[in-house]
C-alpha atoms as a PDB file:
ATOM      1  CA  MET A   1      -4.452 -24.572   1.598  1.00  0.00           C
ATOM      2  CA  ASP A   2      -3.620 -25.665   5.140  1.00  0.00           C
ATOM      3  CA  GLN A   3      -4.000 -22.463   7.125  1.00  0.00           C
ATOM      4  CA  ALA A   4      -2.863 -24.046  10.401  1.00  0.00           C
ATOM      5  CA  ASN A   5       0.772 -24.049   9.260  1.00  0.00           C
ATOM      6  CA  LEU A   6       0.960 -20.483   7.936  1.00  0.00           C
ATOM      7  CA  PRO A   7       3.823 -18.276   9.139  1.00  0.00           C
ATOM      8  CA  GLU A   8       2.898 -16.132  12.157  1.00  0.00           C
ATOM      9  CA  ASP A   9       3.324 -12.835  10.311  1.00  0.00           C
ATOM     10  CA  LEU A  10       0.984 -14.032   7.573  1.00  0.00           C
ATOM     11  CA  LYS A  11      -1.573 -15.015  10.223  1.00  0.00           C
ATOM     12  CA  ARG A  12      -1.333 -11.471  11.661  1.00  0.00           C
ATOM     13  CA  ALA A  13      -1.910  -9.981   8.209  1.00  0.00           C
ATOM     14  CA  GLN A  14      -4.827 -12.370   7.647  1.00  0.00           C
ATOM     15  CA  ASP A  15      -6.388 -11.389  10.985  1.00  0.00           C
ATOM     16  CA  PHE A  16      -6.095  -7.717  10.017  1.00  0.00           C
ATOM     17  CA  HIS A  17      -7.468  -8.270   6.509  1.00  0.00           C
ATOM     18  CA  GLY A  18     -10.223 -10.717   7.435  1.00  0.00           C
ATOM     19  CA  HIS A  19      -9.394 -13.613   5.111  1.00  0.00           C
ATOM     20  CA  LEU A  20      -6.589 -15.202   3.133  1.00  0.00           C
ATOM     21  CA  CYS A  21      -6.551 -14.390  -0.583  1.00  0.00           C
ATOM     22  CA  PRO A  22      -4.069 -13.994  -3.444  1.00  0.00           C
ATOM     23  CA  GLY A  23      -3.892 -10.216  -2.985  1.00  0.00           C
ATOM     24  CA  LEU A  24      -2.970 -10.486   0.675  1.00  0.00           C
ATOM     25  CA  LEU A  25      -0.310 -13.074  -0.178  1.00  0.00           C
ATOM     26  CA  ILE A  26       1.174 -10.736  -2.802  1.00  0.00           C
ATOM     27  CA  GLY A  27       1.350  -7.978  -0.192  1.00  0.00           C
ATOM     28  CA  TRP A  28       2.795 -10.295   2.445  1.00  0.00           C
ATOM     29  CA  ARG A  29       5.512 -11.493   0.079  1.00  0.00           C
ATOM     30  CA  ALA A  30       6.220  -7.886  -1.003  1.00  0.00           C
ATOM     31  CA  VAL A  31       6.578  -6.813   2.646  1.00  0.00           C
ATOM     32  CA  ARG A  32       8.976  -9.684   3.325  1.00  0.00           C
ATOM     33  CA  THR A  33      10.969  -8.896   0.180  1.00  0.00           C
ATOM     34  CA  ALA A  34      11.218  -5.184   1.034  1.00  0.00           C
ATOM     35  CA  ALA A  35      12.014  -5.885   4.687  1.00  0.00           C
ATOM     36  CA  GLN A  36      14.862  -8.156   3.651  1.00  0.00           C
ATOM     37  CA  ALA A  37      16.217  -5.678   1.100  1.00  0.00           C
ATOM     38  CA  LEU A  38      16.173  -2.764   3.562  1.00  0.00           C
ATOM     39  CA  GLU A  39      16.523  -4.668   6.865  1.00  0.00           C
ATOM     40  CA  LEU A  40      13.241  -3.141   8.078  1.00  0.00           C
ATOM     41  CA  LYS A  41      11.246  -3.439  11.252  1.00  0.00           C
ATOM     42  CA  PRO A  42       7.699  -2.124  11.828  1.00  0.00           C
ATOM     43  CA  SER A  43       7.389   1.658  11.831  1.00  0.00           C
ATOM     44  CA  GLN A  44       6.925   3.272  15.223  1.00  0.00           C
ATOM     45  CA  ASP A  45       6.086   6.665  13.761  1.00  0.00           C
ATOM     46  CA  GLU A  46       6.877   7.874  10.246  1.00  0.00           C
ATOM     47  CA  GLU A  47      10.396   6.499   9.772  1.00  0.00           C
ATOM     48  CA  LEU A  48       9.044   4.093   7.146  1.00  0.00           C
ATOM     49  CA  VAL A  49       6.876   5.205   4.255  1.00  0.00           C
ATOM     50  CA  ALA A  50       4.995   2.890   1.905  1.00  0.00           C
ATOM     51  CA  LEU A  51       3.983   4.246  -1.485  1.00  0.00           C
ATOM     52  CA  VAL A  52       1.441   1.774  -2.864  1.00  0.00           C
ATOM     53  CA  GLU A  53       0.241   1.952  -6.462  1.00  0.00           C
ATOM     54  CA  ASN A  54      -3.062   0.106  -5.998  1.00  0.00           C
ATOM     55  CA  ASP A  55      -5.911  -0.134  -3.517  1.00  0.00           C
ATOM     56  CA  SER A  56      -6.082  -3.929  -3.436  1.00  0.00           C
ATOM     57  CA  CYS A  57      -5.923  -6.497  -0.649  1.00  0.00           C
ATOM     58  CA  SER A  58      -2.121  -6.435  -0.847  1.00  0.00           C
ATOM     59  CA  VAL A  59      -1.940  -3.055   0.884  1.00  0.00           C
ATOM     60  CA  ASP A  60      -3.344  -4.496   4.112  1.00  0.00           C
ATOM     61  CA  ALA A  61      -0.140  -6.503   4.593  1.00  0.00           C
ATOM     62  CA  PHE A  62       1.843  -3.244   4.694  1.00  0.00           C
ATOM     63  CA  GLN A  63      -0.490  -1.824   7.313  1.00  0.00           C
ATOM     64  CA  ALA A  64      -0.547  -4.965   9.459  1.00  0.00           C
ATOM     65  CA  LEU A  65       3.130  -5.877   9.301  1.00  0.00           C
ATOM     66  CA  LEU A  66       5.056  -2.625   8.866  1.00  0.00           C
ATOM     67  CA  SER A  67       2.636  -0.289  10.645  1.00  0.00           C
ATOM     68  CA  THR A  68       2.498   2.011   7.647  1.00  0.00           C
ATOM     69  CA  THR A  69      -0.963   3.526   7.848  1.00  0.00           C
ATOM     70  CA  PHE A  70      -3.027   6.352   6.431  1.00  0.00           C
ATOM     71  CA  GLY A  71      -3.592   7.629   9.971  1.00  0.00           C
ATOM     72  CA  LYS A  72       0.118   8.135  10.628  1.00  0.00           C
ATOM     73  CA  GLY A  73       0.627   9.588   7.178  1.00  0.00           C
ATOM     74  CA  ASN A  74       3.230   7.005   6.187  1.00  0.00           C
ATOM     75  CA  LEU A  75       1.038   5.090   3.733  1.00  0.00           C
ATOM     76  CA  LYS A  76       0.461   6.926   0.471  1.00  0.00           C
ATOM     77  CA  TRP A  77      -1.830   5.620  -2.260  1.00  0.00           C
ATOM     78  CA  LEU A  78      -0.968   6.335  -5.874  1.00  0.00           C
ATOM     79  CA  ASP A  79      -3.895   5.308  -8.073  1.00  0.00           C
ATOM     80  CA  HIS A  80      -1.858   3.625 -10.831  1.00  0.00           C
ATOM     81  CA  GLY A  81      -3.493   0.177 -10.807  1.00  0.00           C
ATOM     82  CA  LYS A  82      -0.156  -1.616 -10.420  1.00  0.00           C
ATOM     83  CA  GLN A  83       0.968  -4.203  -7.891  1.00  0.00           C
ATOM     84  CA  VAL A  84       3.979  -1.992  -7.188  1.00  0.00           C
ATOM     85  CA  PHE A  85       5.186  -0.899  -3.761  1.00  0.00           C
ATOM     86  CA  THR A  86       7.969   1.490  -2.800  1.00  0.00           C
ATOM     87  CA  LEU A  87       9.277   1.329   0.757  1.00  0.00           C
ATOM     88  CA  ILE A  88      11.303   4.253   2.034  1.00  0.00           C
ATOM     89  CA  ASP A  89      13.409   4.167   5.181  1.00  0.00           C
ATOM     90  CA  ARG A  90      13.778   7.830   6.153  1.00  0.00           C
ATOM     91  CA  LYS A  91      16.468   7.177   8.783  1.00  0.00           C
ATOM     92  CA  ALA A  92      18.726   5.094   6.552  1.00  0.00           C
ATOM     93  CA  GLN A  93      17.970   7.235   3.471  1.00  0.00           C
ATOM     94  CA  ARG A  94      17.248   4.103   1.435  1.00  0.00           C
ATOM     95  CA  ALA A  95      14.323   2.953  -0.687  1.00  0.00           C
ATOM     96  CA  VAL A  96      13.312  -0.102  -2.647  1.00  0.00           C
ATOM     97  CA  ARG A  97      10.686  -0.522  -5.360  1.00  0.00           C
ATOM     98  CA  ILE A  98       8.991  -3.930  -5.478  1.00  0.00           C
ATOM     99  CA  SER A  99       7.037  -4.792  -8.664  1.00  0.00           C
ATOM    100  CA  PHE A 100       4.900  -7.929  -8.814  1.00  0.00           C
ATOM    101  CA  ILE A 101       5.831  -9.986 -11.887  1.00  0.00           C
ATOM    102  CA  GLY A 102       4.288 -13.290 -10.814  1.00  0.00           C
ATOM    103  CA  ASP A 103       1.257 -13.462 -13.094  1.00  0.00           C
ATOM    104  CA  SER A 104       2.786 -16.547 -14.714  1.00  0.00           C
ATOM    105  CA  LYS A 105       2.113 -18.363 -11.424  1.00  0.00           C
ATOM    106  CA  LYS A 106      -1.629 -18.224 -12.081  1.00  0.00           C
ATOM    107  CA  HIS A 107      -2.883 -21.702 -12.931  1.00  0.00           C
ATOM    108  CA  ARG A 108      -5.935 -21.993 -15.165  1.00  0.00           C
ATOM    109  CA  LYS A 109      -8.762 -24.450 -14.729  1.00  0.00           C
ATOM    110  CA  ALA A 110     -10.304 -26.246 -17.713  1.00  0.00           C
ATOM    111  CA  ASP A 111     -12.963 -23.522 -17.958  1.00  0.00           C
ATOM    112  CA  GLY A 112     -10.264 -20.820 -18.199  1.00  0.00           C
ATOM    113  CA  SER A 113     -10.806 -19.391 -14.717  1.00  0.00           C
ATOM    114  CA  ILE A 114      -7.911 -18.991 -12.302  1.00  0.00           C
ATOM    115  CA  ASP A 115      -7.316 -21.840  -9.864  1.00  0.00           C
ATOM    116  CA  ARG A 116      -7.218 -19.666  -6.751  1.00  0.00           C
ATOM    117  CA  GLU A 117      -5.884 -22.354  -4.400  1.00  0.00           C
ATOM    118  CA  ALA A 118      -3.039 -23.301  -6.756  1.00  0.00           C
ATOM    119  CA  PHE A 119      -2.157 -19.624  -7.258  1.00  0.00           C
ATOM    120  CA  MET A 120      -2.096 -19.039  -3.496  1.00  0.00           C
ATOM    121  CA  THR A 121       0.186 -22.052  -3.030  1.00  0.00           C
ATOM    122  CA  GLU A 122       2.548 -20.639  -5.665  1.00  0.00           C
ATOM    123  CA  LEU A 123       2.488 -17.215  -3.980  1.00  0.00           C
ATOM    124  CA  LEU A 124       3.295 -18.812  -0.642  1.00  0.00           C
ATOM    125  CA  ASN A 125       6.179 -20.955  -1.901  1.00  0.00           C
ATOM    126  CA  ALA A 126       7.782 -19.418  -5.005  1.00  0.00           C
ATOM    127  CA  PRO A 127      11.220 -17.833  -4.711  1.00  0.00           C
ATOM    128  CA  PRO A 128      10.953 -14.022  -4.427  1.00  0.00           C
ATOM    129  CA  GLU A 129      12.777 -13.458  -7.733  1.00  0.00           C
ATOM    130  CA  GLU A 130       9.971 -15.309  -9.531  1.00  0.00           C
ATOM    131  CA  LEU A 131       7.371 -13.012  -7.970  1.00  0.00           C
ATOM    132  CA  PHE A 132       9.021  -9.597  -7.815  1.00  0.00           C
ATOM    133  CA  GLU A 133      11.395  -7.278  -9.555  1.00  0.00           C
ATOM    134  CA  VAL A 134      13.317  -5.452  -6.837  1.00  0.00           C
ATOM    135  CA  ARG A 135      15.143  -2.189  -7.491  1.00  0.00           C
ATOM    136  CA  GLN A 136      16.957   0.144  -5.161  1.00  0.00           C
ATOM    137  CA  VAL A 137      15.650   3.649  -5.888  1.00  0.00           C
ATOM    138  CA  GLU A 138      16.414   7.160  -4.737  1.00  0.00           C
ATOM    139  CA  PRO A 139      14.417   7.825  -1.554  1.00  0.00           C
ATOM    140  CA  GLN A 140      11.925  10.623  -2.139  1.00  0.00           C
ATOM    141  CA  PRO A 141       9.720  10.527   0.940  1.00  0.00           C
ATOM    142  CA  PRO A 142       6.701  12.791   1.152  1.00  0.00           C
ATOM    143  CA  ARG A 143       6.825  15.398   3.859  1.00  0.00           C
ATOM    144  CA  GLU A 144       5.932  14.158   7.299  1.00  0.00           C
ATOM    145  CA  ALA A 145       2.319  14.526   8.412  1.00  0.00           C
ATOM    146  CA  GLN A 146       1.426  18.070   9.388  1.00  0.00           C
ATOM    147  CA  ILE A 147      -1.192  19.118  11.882  1.00  0.00           C
ATOM    148  CA  GLU A 148      -2.791  22.221  10.510  1.00  0.00           C
ATOM    149  CA  PRO A 149      -5.913  24.172  11.273  1.00  0.00           C
ATOM    150  CA  SER A 150      -9.052  23.678   9.253  1.00  0.00           C
ATOM    151  CA  ILE A 151     -11.262  26.377   7.836  1.00  0.00           C
ATOM    152  CA  ASN A 152     -14.885  26.040   6.876  1.00  0.00           C
ATOM    153  CA  CYS A 153     -15.621  25.645   3.190  1.00  0.00           C
ATOM    154  CA  PRO A 154     -17.832  28.617   2.311  1.00  0.00           C
ATOM    155  CA  ARG A 155     -20.022  26.422   0.091  1.00  0.00           C
ATOM    156  CA  CYS A 156     -20.753  23.335   2.247  1.00  0.00           C
ATOM    157  CA  GLY A 157     -19.600  24.619   5.626  1.00  0.00           C
ATOM    158  CA  GLU A 158     -17.452  21.575   6.419  1.00  0.00           C
ATOM    159  CA  PRO A 159     -14.081  22.142   8.119  1.00  0.00           C
ATOM    160  CA  THR A 160     -11.242  21.403   5.668  1.00  0.00           C
ATOM    161  CA  GLN A 161      -7.452  21.588   5.851  1.00  0.00           C
ATOM    162  CA  LYS A 162      -6.528  24.820   4.124  1.00  0.00           C
ATOM    163  CA  SER A 163      -3.686  23.129   2.208  1.00  0.00           C
ATOM    164  CA  LYS A 164      -6.206  20.715   0.634  1.00  0.00           C
ATOM    165  CA  MET A 165      -8.586  23.414  -0.593  1.00  0.00           C
ATOM    166  CA  LEU A 166      -8.709  24.789  -4.121  1.00  0.00           C
ATOM    167  CA  GLU A 167      -9.220  28.371  -5.165  1.00  0.00           C
ATOM    168  CA  VAL A 168     -12.239  28.790  -7.425  1.00  0.00           C
ATOM    169  CA  GLU A 169     -13.513  32.220  -8.434  1.00  0.00           C
ATOM    170  CA  GLY A 170     -11.496  33.854  -5.654  1.00  0.00           C
ATOM    171  CA  LYS A 171     -12.773  31.534  -2.891  1.00  0.00           C
ATOM    172  CA  LEU A 172     -11.076  28.599  -1.185  1.00  0.00           C
ATOM    173  CA  LEU A 173     -13.349  25.561  -1.526  1.00  0.00           C
ATOM    174  CA  CYS A 174     -13.044  21.961  -0.409  1.00  0.00           C
ATOM    175  CA  ARG A 175     -12.241  19.644  -3.306  1.00  0.00           C
ATOM    176  CA  PRO A 176     -15.746  18.175  -3.704  1.00  0.00           C
ATOM    177  CA  CYS A 177     -17.316  21.649  -3.824  1.00  0.00           C
ATOM    178  CA  ALA A 178     -14.627  22.895  -6.214  1.00  0.00           C
ATOM    179  CA  ALA A 179     -15.375  19.956  -8.510  1.00  0.00           C
ATOM    180  CA  GLU A 180     -19.110  20.728  -8.465  1.00  0.00           C
ATOM    181  CA  VAL A 181     -18.571  24.414  -9.202  1.00  0.00           C
ATOM    182  CA  THR A 182     -16.194  23.791 -12.108  1.00  0.00           C
ATOM    183  CA  ARG A 183     -18.364  21.167 -13.849  1.00  0.00           C
END
């Protein structure tokens, strides 16, 4: 694949991610599809929220291009193992769910393995409707990031947000300690 002629936004995503791969291309195309559906621009604060249902390379495109990040609290990971992304625009009270349906674009080599270059070319050039199912959905954004005090876990001593602690045997414990105690 000729990387010299890639679109500028894809080059930015590639620089952020470190290399060009099928996963990043899926994310890049999903970002473009969502941005078109919702008329989005990068998030300055928490006005956009990305709910991502996987922890693959695709998620880096959302961070690089829409400025939805874990640090700002507007990138939420749902461990569902799906190439599915929901973008919520808090200000416009709109949301779109983008599901990757482009597995048919994977070309197989004679040995049965995926022809990565051919797949990446398909991901770069295929019409969006051949790659994604797009649905408008009811916006259900998570609450905005809260700054809250931490308290020390009585078991390990590490400061932990109180809202993230679990009560075990009458004590508030951090989640790792709670898991160890309840094993």
